[in-house]
Amino acid sequence: MDSSPEFTRIVVCDADTGAVLRQGYAPHPVEAPEGGGKPTDVDPQAWLLSLGEAAGGGLLEGVQAIGVCAQQHALVPLDSQGNTVRPALVGNHPRAQVAAADLVDGLGGRQAWAQAVGCVPQAPMPVTKLRWLARHEPEAALRTQMLMQAHDWLVWQLLGRPARRTTDRGGASGTGYWSAATGSYRPDLVELALGHQAMLPEVIGPADAAGTTPEGLLISAGTGETMAAAFGLGVQQGDAVVSLGASGSVMAVHHEALVDPSGTITSLADATGMHLPVVHTLNAVRALRGTAEMLGLPDLEALSDLALKSTPGAHGLVLLPYLEGEKTPSLPHAAGTLTGLRRESMKPEHLARAAFEGMLCGLGDALDVLRGRGVEVRRVFLLGPAADLPAVRAMAPMLFGTQVVVVQPADYAAIGAARQAAWAQTGQLPLWQGAVSQVFEPGEELAVGQAVRQQYVTVREQAHPGAFSGTPVA
């Protein structure tokens, strides 16, 4: 079961092969806030209603074990009786940015946080939402005695709300008060944020069961969506995953937690006992959409077609796509940079190509941060709708300098949750086939890609010296 911010997807898999036998889907019955956008406060009961609808029609007939993954960073504050004290705080909201800065200062800076829990507080994280709650809803904060995330809460509900409350390493590592390096909570950071201690769920192992439902169904540990998707894809050490959403992220499987004093790397745990160092960028597909709008193009497919009419390097045109600031490195007030304008480069196809190259070079910077810390990258899995664009498939291998794997769209997070359930049921890690994919090699264009990257790096260093060097950039 995958409970994302907007819907629940269920896949029923064969425990031996991983073959998807049946599927279910239901939207979350949550209204958008006034003025549009995504909701930031959600009654968790909506997740249960959606789950029940998705599982209707006998979908779970014959099922013996269930795995649950869910949206990350959803904080569910509970009172001493296990009742919600307010709606869950979900997603990323600017209201928590001041709280994040307060927490960073309260512990003595970014380096102190990186060493404590492997990450620096940011607006979406539960620890930051706790600080916001304490500052803006003090009565609710005082009533908060237990803390859960979305997948913890759903597992607990499915088990009938037992006395034992559990979570997994993957989910815990994104809270801001559990360290993937030490495998332990930092209750002092909960107190720093909330103003008092709170009960936290027990962190159980990847193959452990959280319990059994009253009907006799085994429930596995559960995990966050990111960790479940990596498990469903079958990524392993030597693999990196580049996600092309409105923002972008690069994560890789590694054998140890990475402590990064600059805060560039967020050190998460995966769903198998390994680690998932992650580097986030704020601008990815949003840079492509902005360029398409500027050129009067109807969609990204048209932008891709136009970009392929240009040549590598876009006739010297370079777009640094920090269009709405940048998340990593820390550039909250930065703007994008377009440089290299000459008469011969002032053509729509060159700007289109520069947008794709800028987006991919920015993610290449993130890959290089991980490589620089000893993370092995033999191949890159490319995810997201933009991965299907011909321009992305043509440019990514030569700009990343490695084999690029574009996977067939599927419910990988739900598949990863099912794989975890099979592991807990059988006691053996299921060796499922993994994602169906196409493979693209850098080939003879590798040297060309390196030249384009250098052209981009030159502009980046002129605009923001030290960015992605491991030193925080103001």
Protein backbone atom coordinates (compact mmCIF):
# COMPACT_ATOMS: atom_id res chain seq x y z
CA MET A 1 0.00 0.00 0.00
CA ASP A 2 1.32 3.43 -0.99
CA SER A 3 -0.42 6.38 0.67
CA SER A 4 0.92 9.37 -1.23
CA PRO A 5 -0.11 12.99 -0.60
CA GLU A 6 -3.01 12.71 -3.07
CA PHE A 7 -4.05 9.05 -3.39
CA THR A 8 -3.68 5.47 -2.22
CA ARG A 9 -2.37 2.81 -4.57
CA ILE A 10 -2.44 -0.88 -3.73
CA VAL A 11 -0.65 -3.63 -5.62
CA VAL A 12 -1.10 -7.31 -4.84
CA CYS A 13 2.10 -9.18 -5.75
CA ASP A 14 3.14 -12.79 -5.96
CA ALA A 15 5.55 -13.28 -3.04
CA ASP A 16 7.93 -15.47 -5.06
CA THR A 17 8.21 -13.54 -8.33
CA GLY A 18 6.94 -10.05 -7.57
CA ALA A 19 4.44 -10.24 -10.42
CA VAL A 20 1.60 -7.74 -9.94
CA LEU A 21 -1.64 -9.71 -9.76
CA ARG A 22 -4.19 -7.01 -8.88
CA GLN A 23 -4.22 -3.25 -8.35
CA GLY A 24 -6.43 -0.75 -6.57
CA TYR A 25 -6.58 3.03 -6.47
CA ALA A 26 -8.51 5.76 -4.66
CA PRO A 27 -7.96 9.51 -4.25
CA HIS A 28 -7.71 11.04 -0.80
CA PRO A 29 -10.97 12.81 0.16
CA VAL A 30 -9.12 16.05 0.89
CA GLU A 31 -10.19 19.46 -0.39
CA ALA A 32 -7.62 21.85 -1.80
CA PRO A 33 -7.11 25.00 0.29
CA GLU A 34 -8.61 28.31 -0.76
CA GLY A 35 -6.52 29.90 -3.46
CA GLY A 36 -5.33 26.54 -4.77
CA GLY A 37 -2.19 24.58 -4.01
CA LYS A 38 -1.75 21.43 -1.95
CA PRO A 39 -3.19 21.02 1.54
CA THR A 40 -0.78 21.42 4.44
CA ASP A 41 -3.12 20.20 7.21
CA VAL A 42 -4.90 16.87 6.73
CA ASP A 43 -7.09 14.74 8.99
CA PRO A 44 -5.35 11.31 8.98
CA GLN A 45 -8.74 9.63 8.82
CA ALA A 46 -8.78 10.68 5.16
CA TRP A 47 -5.87 8.30 4.57
CA LEU A 48 -7.84 5.42 6.11
CA LEU A 49 -10.94 6.22 4.05
CA SER A 50 -8.89 6.25 0.87
CA LEU A 51 -7.16 3.00 1.83
CA GLY A 52 -10.49 1.30 2.46
CA GLU A 53 -11.85 2.44 -0.88
CA ALA A 54 -8.72 1.31 -2.76
CA ALA A 55 -8.91 -2.12 -1.12
CA GLY A 56 -12.60 -2.63 -1.95
CA GLY A 57 -14.09 -5.28 -4.18
CA GLY A 58 -12.18 -8.19 -2.66
CA LEU A 59 -8.79 -6.83 -3.72
CA LEU A 60 -7.07 -8.28 -0.64
CA GLU A 61 -8.59 -11.75 -0.94
CA GLY A 62 -5.86 -14.33 -0.35
CA VAL A 63 -3.33 -11.74 0.82
CA GLN A 64 -1.13 -12.98 3.68
CA ALA A 65 1.10 -9.99 4.41
CA ILE A 66 0.85 -6.22 3.94
CA GLY A 67 3.52 -3.56 3.61
CA VAL A 68 2.72 0.14 3.94
CA CYS A 69 4.65 3.11 2.61
CA ALA A 70 3.45 6.68 2.77
CA GLN A 71 4.31 10.29 2.10
CA GLN A 72 7.35 11.41 4.03
CA HIS A 73 7.54 14.33 6.44
CA ALA A 74 3.87 14.06 7.47
CA LEU A 75 3.81 14.72 11.21
CA VAL A 76 0.91 13.23 13.20
CA PRO A 77 0.82 14.74 16.73
CA LEU A 78 -1.09 12.58 19.23
CA ASP A 79 -2.19 13.01 22.84
CA SER A 80 -1.52 10.51 25.62
CA GLN A 81 -4.53 8.42 24.51
CA GLY A 82 -3.38 8.22 20.89
CA ASN A 83 -5.88 10.74 19.54
CA THR A 84 -4.81 13.44 17.11
CA VAL A 85 -4.47 16.84 18.75
CA ARG A 86 -4.80 18.61 15.39
CA PRO A 87 -4.71 17.62 11.71
CA ALA A 88 -1.45 16.13 10.47
CA LEU A 89 1.09 18.66 9.20
CA VAL A 90 2.06 17.50 5.72
CA GLY A 91 4.23 18.60 2.80
CA ASN A 92 6.42 21.66 2.46
CA HIS A 93 5.06 25.01 3.58
CA PRO A 94 6.82 28.38 3.84
CA ARG A 95 5.31 28.85 7.31
CA ALA A 96 8.01 26.54 8.73
CA GLN A 97 11.03 28.27 7.18
CA VAL A 98 11.53 30.57 10.16
CA ALA A 99 11.19 27.58 12.48
CA ALA A 100 13.94 25.78 10.55
CA ALA A 101 16.30 28.74 10.93
CA ASP A 102 15.49 28.93 14.65
CA LEU A 103 16.39 25.26 15.12
CA VAL A 104 19.65 25.59 13.22
CA ASP A 105 20.68 28.47 15.49
CA GLY A 106 19.36 26.72 18.60
CA LEU A 107 21.76 23.77 18.24
CA GLY A 108 24.72 25.88 17.17
CA GLY A 109 24.61 25.80 13.38
CA ARG A 110 24.34 23.51 10.38
CA GLN A 111 27.43 21.50 11.25
CA ALA A 112 26.05 20.61 14.68
CA TRP A 113 22.83 19.28 13.10
CA ALA A 114 24.68 17.33 10.41
CA GLN A 115 26.81 15.63 13.04
CA ALA A 116 23.83 14.98 15.31
CA VAL A 117 21.34 13.43 12.88
CA GLY A 118 22.85 13.62 9.38
CA CYS A 119 20.63 16.43 8.12
CA VAL A 120 19.96 20.13 8.61
CA PRO A 121 16.41 21.25 9.49
CA GLN A 122 14.32 22.28 6.50
CA ALA A 123 10.69 23.36 6.26
CA PRO A 124 9.15 19.94 5.42
CA MET A 125 10.83 17.97 8.23
CA PRO A 126 8.87 16.81 11.32
CA VAL A 127 11.37 18.38 13.73
CA THR A 128 10.78 21.76 12.08
CA LYS A 129 7.02 21.33 12.18
CA LEU A 130 7.30 20.63 15.90
CA ARG A 131 9.04 23.97 16.41
CA TRP A 132 6.33 25.70 14.34
CA LEU A 133 3.65 23.99 16.44
CA ALA A 134 5.27 25.09 19.70
CA ARG A 135 5.51 28.69 18.50
CA HIS A 136 2.11 29.09 16.83
CA GLU A 137 -0.18 26.55 18.50
CA PRO A 138 1.21 26.23 22.03
CA GLU A 139 -1.92 24.56 23.47
CA ALA A 140 -1.77 21.81 20.82
CA ALA A 141 1.96 21.47 21.44
CA LEU A 142 1.39 20.97 25.18
CA ARG A 143 -1.18 18.24 24.46
CA THR A 144 1.20 16.45 22.07
CA GLN A 145 2.59 13.40 23.89
CA MET A 146 3.28 10.99 21.00
CA LEU A 147 4.74 11.53 17.55
CA MET A 148 4.13 9.52 14.41
CA GLN A 149 4.56 9.87 10.68
CA ALA A 150 2.05 8.81 8.05
CA HIS A 151 3.20 5.23 7.53
CA ASP A 152 3.69 4.68 11.29
CA TRP A 153 0.15 5.84 11.97
CA LEU A 154 -1.39 3.73 9.20
CA VAL A 155 0.42 0.59 10.36
CA TRP A 156 -0.71 1.29 13.93
CA GLN A 157 -4.33 1.68 12.80
CA LEU A 158 -4.27 -1.51 10.72
CA LEU A 159 -2.97 -3.40 13.76
CA GLY A 160 -5.81 -2.10 15.93
CA ARG A 161 -3.81 0.57 17.81
CA PRO A 162 -1.69 -1.77 19.97
CA ALA A 163 0.44 -0.56 22.88
CA ARG A 164 3.57 -1.14 20.79
CA ARG A 165 4.13 1.56 18.18
CA THR A 166 6.80 1.04 15.53
CA THR A 167 8.54 2.66 12.61
CA ASP A 168 11.49 1.77 10.37
CA ARG A 169 14.97 3.19 9.80
CA GLY A 170 13.99 4.86 6.53
CA GLY A 171 11.08 6.80 7.95
CA ALA A 172 12.91 7.68 11.16
CA SER A 173 15.92 9.05 9.28
CA GLY A 174 13.85 11.85 7.76
CA THR A 175 12.44 13.16 11.04
CA GLY A 176 15.38 15.32 12.13
CA TYR A 177 15.52 13.59 15.52
CA TRP A 178 16.90 10.13 14.60
CA SER A 179 20.41 9.48 13.32
CA ALA A 180 21.10 6.97 10.55
CA ALA A 181 24.76 6.94 11.62
CA THR A 182 24.13 5.90 15.23
CA GLY A 183 20.75 4.20 14.78
CA SER A 184 19.29 6.08 17.71
CA TYR A 185 16.89 8.91 18.54
CA ARG A 186 17.93 12.31 19.84
CA PRO A 187 15.13 13.07 22.35
CA ASP A 188 16.90 16.31 23.23
CA LEU A 189 16.16 17.59 19.72
CA VAL A 190 12.46 16.78 20.16
CA GLU A 191 12.55 18.82 23.37
CA LEU A 192 14.44 21.63 21.64
CA ALA A 193 11.72 21.80 18.98
CA LEU A 194 8.54 21.00 20.93
CA GLY A 195 9.46 22.32 24.36
CA HIS A 196 9.06 18.95 26.10
CA GLN A 197 9.65 15.24 25.56
CA ALA A 198 7.27 13.02 23.58
CA MET A 199 6.95 9.27 23.06
CA LEU A 200 8.52 8.02 19.85
CA PRO A 201 7.85 4.78 17.94
CA GLU A 202 10.27 1.88 18.26
CA VAL A 203 12.57 1.55 15.23
CA ILE A 204 12.47 -2.05 14.02
CA GLY A 205 14.58 -3.83 11.41
CA PRO A 206 13.87 -4.00 7.65
CA ALA A 207 12.72 -7.64 7.76
CA ASP A 208 10.84 -7.37 11.05
CA ALA A 209 7.07 -7.51 11.35
CA ALA A 210 5.25 -4.69 13.11
CA GLY A 211 2.57 -7.17 14.15
CA THR A 212 -0.49 -9.10 13.01
CA THR A 213 -3.96 -7.71 12.39
CA PRO A 214 -7.00 -9.07 14.24
CA GLU A 215 -7.77 -10.96 11.00
CA GLY A 216 -4.35 -12.64 11.02
CA LEU A 217 -2.59 -10.57 8.34
CA LEU A 218 1.09 -9.89 8.95
CA ILE A 219 2.08 -6.22 8.71
CA SER A 220 5.71 -5.41 7.94
CA ALA A 221 7.70 -2.46 9.28
CA GLY A 222 6.58 -0.03 6.59
CA THR A 223 8.73 2.84 5.30
CA GLY A 224 8.71 6.19 3.53
CA GLU A 225 7.83 6.54 -0.14
CA THR A 226 11.40 7.33 -1.21
CA MET A 227 12.82 4.23 0.46
CA ALA A 228 9.98 2.03 -0.83
CA ALA A 229 10.49 3.27 -4.41
CA ALA A 230 14.22 2.50 -4.25
CA PHE A 231 13.43 -0.99 -2.92
CA GLY A 232 10.79 -1.54 -5.60
CA LEU A 233 13.21 -0.48 -8.33
CA GLY A 234 15.79 -2.93 -7.03
CA VAL A 235 18.58 -0.36 -6.74
CA GLN A 236 21.70 -1.50 -4.94
CA GLN A 237 25.20 -0.31 -4.14
CA GLY A 238 26.68 1.36 -7.22
CA ASP A 239 23.28 2.69 -8.31
CA ALA A 240 22.09 6.28 -8.11
CA VAL A 241 18.54 7.51 -8.66
CA VAL A 242 17.91 10.91 -10.24
CA SER A 243 14.32 12.08 -9.83
CA LEU A 244 13.07 14.74 -12.23
CA GLY A 245 10.13 16.46 -10.62
CA ALA A 246 9.41 20.16 -10.31
CA SER A 247 12.41 19.98 -8.00
CA GLY A 248 15.13 17.39 -8.41
CA SER A 249 16.89 14.90 -6.18
CA VAL A 250 19.83 12.54 -6.44
CA MET A 251 20.19 9.60 -4.07
CA ALA A 252 22.44 6.58 -4.03
CA VAL A 253 22.77 3.36 -2.08
CA HIS A 254 25.83 3.47 0.18
CA HIS A 255 27.28 1.25 2.86
CA GLU A 256 27.55 3.93 5.53
CA ALA A 257 25.91 7.14 6.68
CA LEU A 258 27.59 10.31 5.45
CA VAL A 259 28.04 13.26 7.78
CA ASP A 260 28.17 16.46 5.74
CA PRO A 261 28.88 19.62 7.77
CA SER A 262 27.70 21.84 4.89
CA GLY A 263 24.25 20.24 4.93
CA THR A 264 24.42 19.57 1.20
CA ILE A 265 23.90 15.84 1.76
CA THR A 266 20.92 14.56 3.73
CA SER A 267 21.87 11.23 5.26
CA LEU A 268 18.86 8.91 5.11
CA ALA A 269 18.55 5.19 5.75
CA ASP A 270 17.04 2.85 3.16
CA ALA A 271 14.58 -0.04 3.54
CA THR A 272 17.22 -2.80 3.50
CA GLY A 273 19.74 -1.88 6.20
CA MET A 274 21.90 0.27 3.92
CA HIS A 275 21.98 4.07 3.56
CA LEU A 276 20.56 6.60 1.11
CA PRO A 277 22.57 9.83 0.96
CA VAL A 278 20.44 12.41 -0.86
CA VAL A 279 21.17 15.76 -2.49
CA HIS A 280 18.16 17.94 -3.32
CA THR A 281 17.89 20.74 -5.86
CA LEU A 282 14.96 23.13 -5.95
CA ASN A 283 14.88 23.63 -9.72
CA ALA A 284 14.48 20.75 -12.17
CA VAL A 285 11.43 20.40 -14.44
CA ARG A 286 10.24 23.83 -13.33
CA ALA A 287 13.20 25.23 -15.30
CA LEU A 288 11.95 23.42 -18.42
CA ARG A 289 8.37 24.61 -17.94
CA GLY A 290 9.52 28.19 -17.52
CA THR A 291 11.57 28.01 -20.70
CA ALA A 292 8.67 26.49 -22.63
CA GLU A 293 6.41 29.33 -21.48
CA MET A 294 8.99 31.94 -22.41
CA LEU A 295 9.27 30.45 -25.90
CA GLY A 296 5.50 30.15 -26.29
CA LEU A 297 5.60 26.36 -26.58
CA PRO A 298 2.57 24.25 -25.59
CA ASP A 299 4.38 21.55 -23.61
CA LEU A 300 7.69 19.93 -22.70
CA GLU A 301 7.53 17.58 -25.67
CA ALA A 302 7.68 20.59 -27.97
CA LEU A 303 10.58 22.01 -25.96
CA SER A 304 12.42 18.69 -26.26
CA ASP A 305 11.93 18.59 -30.04
CA LEU A 306 13.21 22.15 -30.34
CA ALA A 307 16.25 21.48 -28.13
CA LEU A 308 17.36 18.59 -30.33
CA LYS A 309 17.66 21.01 -33.26
CA SER A 310 20.57 22.65 -31.45
CA THR A 311 23.99 21.11 -30.75
CA PRO A 312 25.82 20.24 -27.49
CA GLY A 313 26.80 23.41 -25.69
CA ALA A 314 23.89 25.36 -27.23
CA HIS A 315 26.27 27.62 -29.19
CA GLY A 316 27.77 28.89 -25.93
CA LEU A 317 24.43 29.66 -24.26
CA VAL A 318 24.40 28.59 -20.59
CA LEU A 319 21.39 28.63 -18.27
CA LEU A 320 22.06 28.36 -14.54
CA PRO A 321 18.56 27.30 -13.45
CA TYR A 322 18.37 28.75 -9.92
CA LEU A 323 15.06 30.31 -10.91
CA GLU A 324 13.38 30.23 -7.49
CA GLY A 325 16.46 30.19 -5.32
CA GLU A 326 18.19 26.88 -4.67
CA LYS A 327 17.77 24.33 -1.93
CA THR A 328 21.19 22.69 -2.15
CA PRO A 329 23.50 24.52 -1.95
CA SER A 330 21.85 27.03 0.36
CA LEU A 331 20.98 29.89 -1.99
CA PRO A 332 17.59 31.11 -0.80
CA HIS A 333 17.79 34.49 -2.56
CA ALA A 334 19.56 33.45 -5.75
CA ALA A 335 18.26 34.06 -9.25
CA GLY A 336 18.91 32.20 -12.45
CA THR A 337 21.66 33.22 -14.87
CA LEU A 338 21.56 33.22 -18.67
CA THR A 339 24.91 33.94 -20.25
CA GLY A 340 26.76 33.49 -23.53
CA LEU A 341 24.32 35.59 -25.59
CA ARG A 342 25.72 36.34 -29.03
CA ARG A 343 23.95 37.00 -32.26
CA GLU A 344 24.41 33.42 -33.43
CA SER A 345 23.17 31.96 -30.15
CA MET A 346 19.97 34.06 -29.96
CA LYS A 347 17.74 31.36 -31.40
CA PRO A 348 14.90 29.47 -29.73
CA GLU A 349 16.50 26.07 -30.21
CA HIS A 350 19.68 27.13 -28.37
CA LEU A 351 17.72 28.45 -25.40
CA ALA A 352 15.70 25.23 -25.32
CA ARG A 353 18.89 23.16 -25.30
CA ALA A 354 20.47 25.38 -22.64
CA ALA A 355 17.46 24.72 -20.39
CA PHE A 356 17.88 20.95 -20.63
CA GLU A 357 21.64 21.15 -20.21
CA GLY A 358 21.31 23.51 -17.25
CA MET A 359 18.83 21.24 -15.48
CA LEU A 360 20.93 18.11 -16.04
CA CYS A 361 24.23 19.83 -15.17
CA GLY A 362 22.69 20.97 -11.88
CA LEU A 363 21.80 17.36 -11.11
CA GLY A 364 25.27 16.37 -12.30
CA ASP A 365 26.64 18.71 -9.63
CA ALA A 366 24.60 16.76 -7.08
CA LEU A 367 25.99 13.45 -8.39
CA ASP A 368 29.51 14.82 -8.10
CA VAL A 369 28.91 15.76 -4.45
CA LEU A 370 28.11 12.11 -3.71
CA ARG A 371 31.03 10.83 -5.79
CA GLY A 372 33.32 13.20 -3.94
CA ARG A 373 32.34 11.51 -0.67
CA GLY A 374 33.25 8.06 -1.95
CA VAL A 375 29.81 6.99 -3.19
CA GLU A 376 30.14 4.57 -6.10
CA VAL A 377 27.99 5.45 -9.13
CA ARG A 378 28.11 2.85 -11.91
CA ARG A 379 24.69 3.63 -13.35
CA VAL A 380 21.93 6.18 -12.89
CA PHE A 381 18.21 5.38 -12.74
CA LEU A 382 16.24 8.27 -14.21
CA LEU A 383 12.71 8.75 -12.85
CA GLY A 384 9.84 11.15 -13.43
CA PRO A 385 7.74 12.12 -16.47
CA ALA A 386 10.59 14.19 -17.93
CA ALA A 387 12.73 11.04 -18.16
CA ASP A 388 10.69 10.05 -21.21
CA LEU A 389 11.62 13.21 -23.14
CA PRO A 390 13.99 12.46 -26.06
CA ALA A 391 16.18 15.43 -25.15
CA VAL A 392 16.70 14.12 -21.62
CA ARG A 393 17.52 10.63 -22.86
CA ALA A 394 20.00 12.03 -25.39
CA MET A 395 21.79 14.41 -23.02
CA ALA A 396 21.74 12.66 -19.63
CA PRO A 397 24.32 9.89 -20.35
CA MET A 398 26.99 12.25 -21.67
CA LEU A 399 26.40 14.91 -18.97
CA PHE A 400 26.27 12.40 -16.09
CA GLY A 401 29.22 10.49 -17.56
CA THR A 402 27.73 7.08 -16.91
CA GLN A 403 25.13 4.56 -18.01
CA VAL A 404 21.58 5.88 -17.66
CA VAL A 405 18.61 3.57 -17.04
CA VAL A 406 15.10 4.84 -17.85
CA VAL A 407 12.53 2.60 -16.21
CA GLN A 408 9.05 1.81 -17.41
CA PRO A 409 6.42 3.68 -15.36
CA ALA A 410 5.03 1.57 -12.53
CA ASP A 411 3.93 1.89 -8.90
CA TYR A 412 7.45 1.28 -7.57
CA ALA A 413 6.74 2.61 -4.08
CA ALA A 414 3.80 0.21 -3.66
CA ILE A 415 5.86 -2.61 -5.16
CA GLY A 416 8.65 -1.84 -2.69
CA ALA A 417 6.17 -2.00 0.19
CA ALA A 418 4.93 -5.39 -1.11
CA ARG A 419 8.51 -6.63 -1.36
CA GLN A 420 9.08 -5.65 2.26
CA ALA A 421 5.93 -7.54 3.26
CA ALA A 422 7.16 -10.66 1.46
CA TRP A 423 10.50 -10.33 3.27
CA ALA A 424 8.81 -10.15 6.67
CA GLN A 425 6.53 -13.08 5.79
CA THR A 426 9.17 -15.48 4.45
CA GLY A 427 12.27 -14.33 6.33
CA GLN A 428 14.17 -14.23 3.02
CA LEU A 429 14.92 -11.12 0.96
CA PRO A 430 12.80 -11.59 -2.21
CA LEU A 431 14.91 -11.58 -5.37
CA TRP A 432 12.30 -10.03 -7.63
CA GLN A 433 13.12 -9.16 -11.22
CA GLY A 434 13.09 -5.39 -10.73
CA ALA A 435 12.14 -2.61 -13.10
CA VAL A 436 11.69 -3.04 -16.85
CA SER A 437 13.95 -0.46 -18.42
CA GLN A 438 15.84 0.99 -21.35
CA VAL A 439 19.59 1.54 -21.05
CA PHE A 440 21.46 4.49 -22.57
CA GLU A 441 25.27 4.70 -22.72
CA PRO A 442 27.38 7.89 -22.94
CA GLY A 443 29.33 6.45 -25.88
CA GLU A 444 31.56 8.67 -27.98
CA GLU A 445 29.84 11.85 -26.74
CA LEU A 446 31.40 11.51 -23.26
CA ALA A 447 34.14 14.05 -24.04
CA VAL A 448 31.55 16.43 -25.47
CA GLY A 449 29.50 16.12 -22.31
CA GLN A 450 32.53 16.89 -20.17
CA ALA A 451 33.13 20.07 -22.17
CA VAL A 452 29.51 21.15 -21.69
CA ARG A 453 29.74 20.47 -17.94
CA GLN A 454 32.89 22.58 -17.72
CA GLN A 455 31.17 25.42 -19.55
CA TYR A 456 28.33 25.22 -17.01
CA VAL A 457 30.68 25.00 -14.00
CA THR A 458 32.52 28.13 -15.14
CA VAL A 459 29.27 30.09 -15.14
CA ARG A 460 28.18 28.61 -11.82
CA GLU A 461 31.44 29.58 -10.13
CA GLN A 462 31.21 33.11 -11.49
CA ALA A 463 27.64 33.53 -10.24
CA HIS A 464 27.94 31.61 -6.95
CA PRO A 465 31.56 30.88 -5.97
CA GLY A 466 31.84 27.79 -3.80
CA ALA A 467 28.44 26.34 -4.65
CA PHE A 468 28.52 22.54 -4.40
CA SER A 469 32.06 22.70 -3.01
CA GLY A 470 30.97 21.46 0.42
CA THR A 471 30.95 24.97 1.87
CA PRO A 472 27.58 26.62 2.69
CA VAL A 473 26.88 29.49 0.31
CA ALA A 474 25.02 32.51 1.65
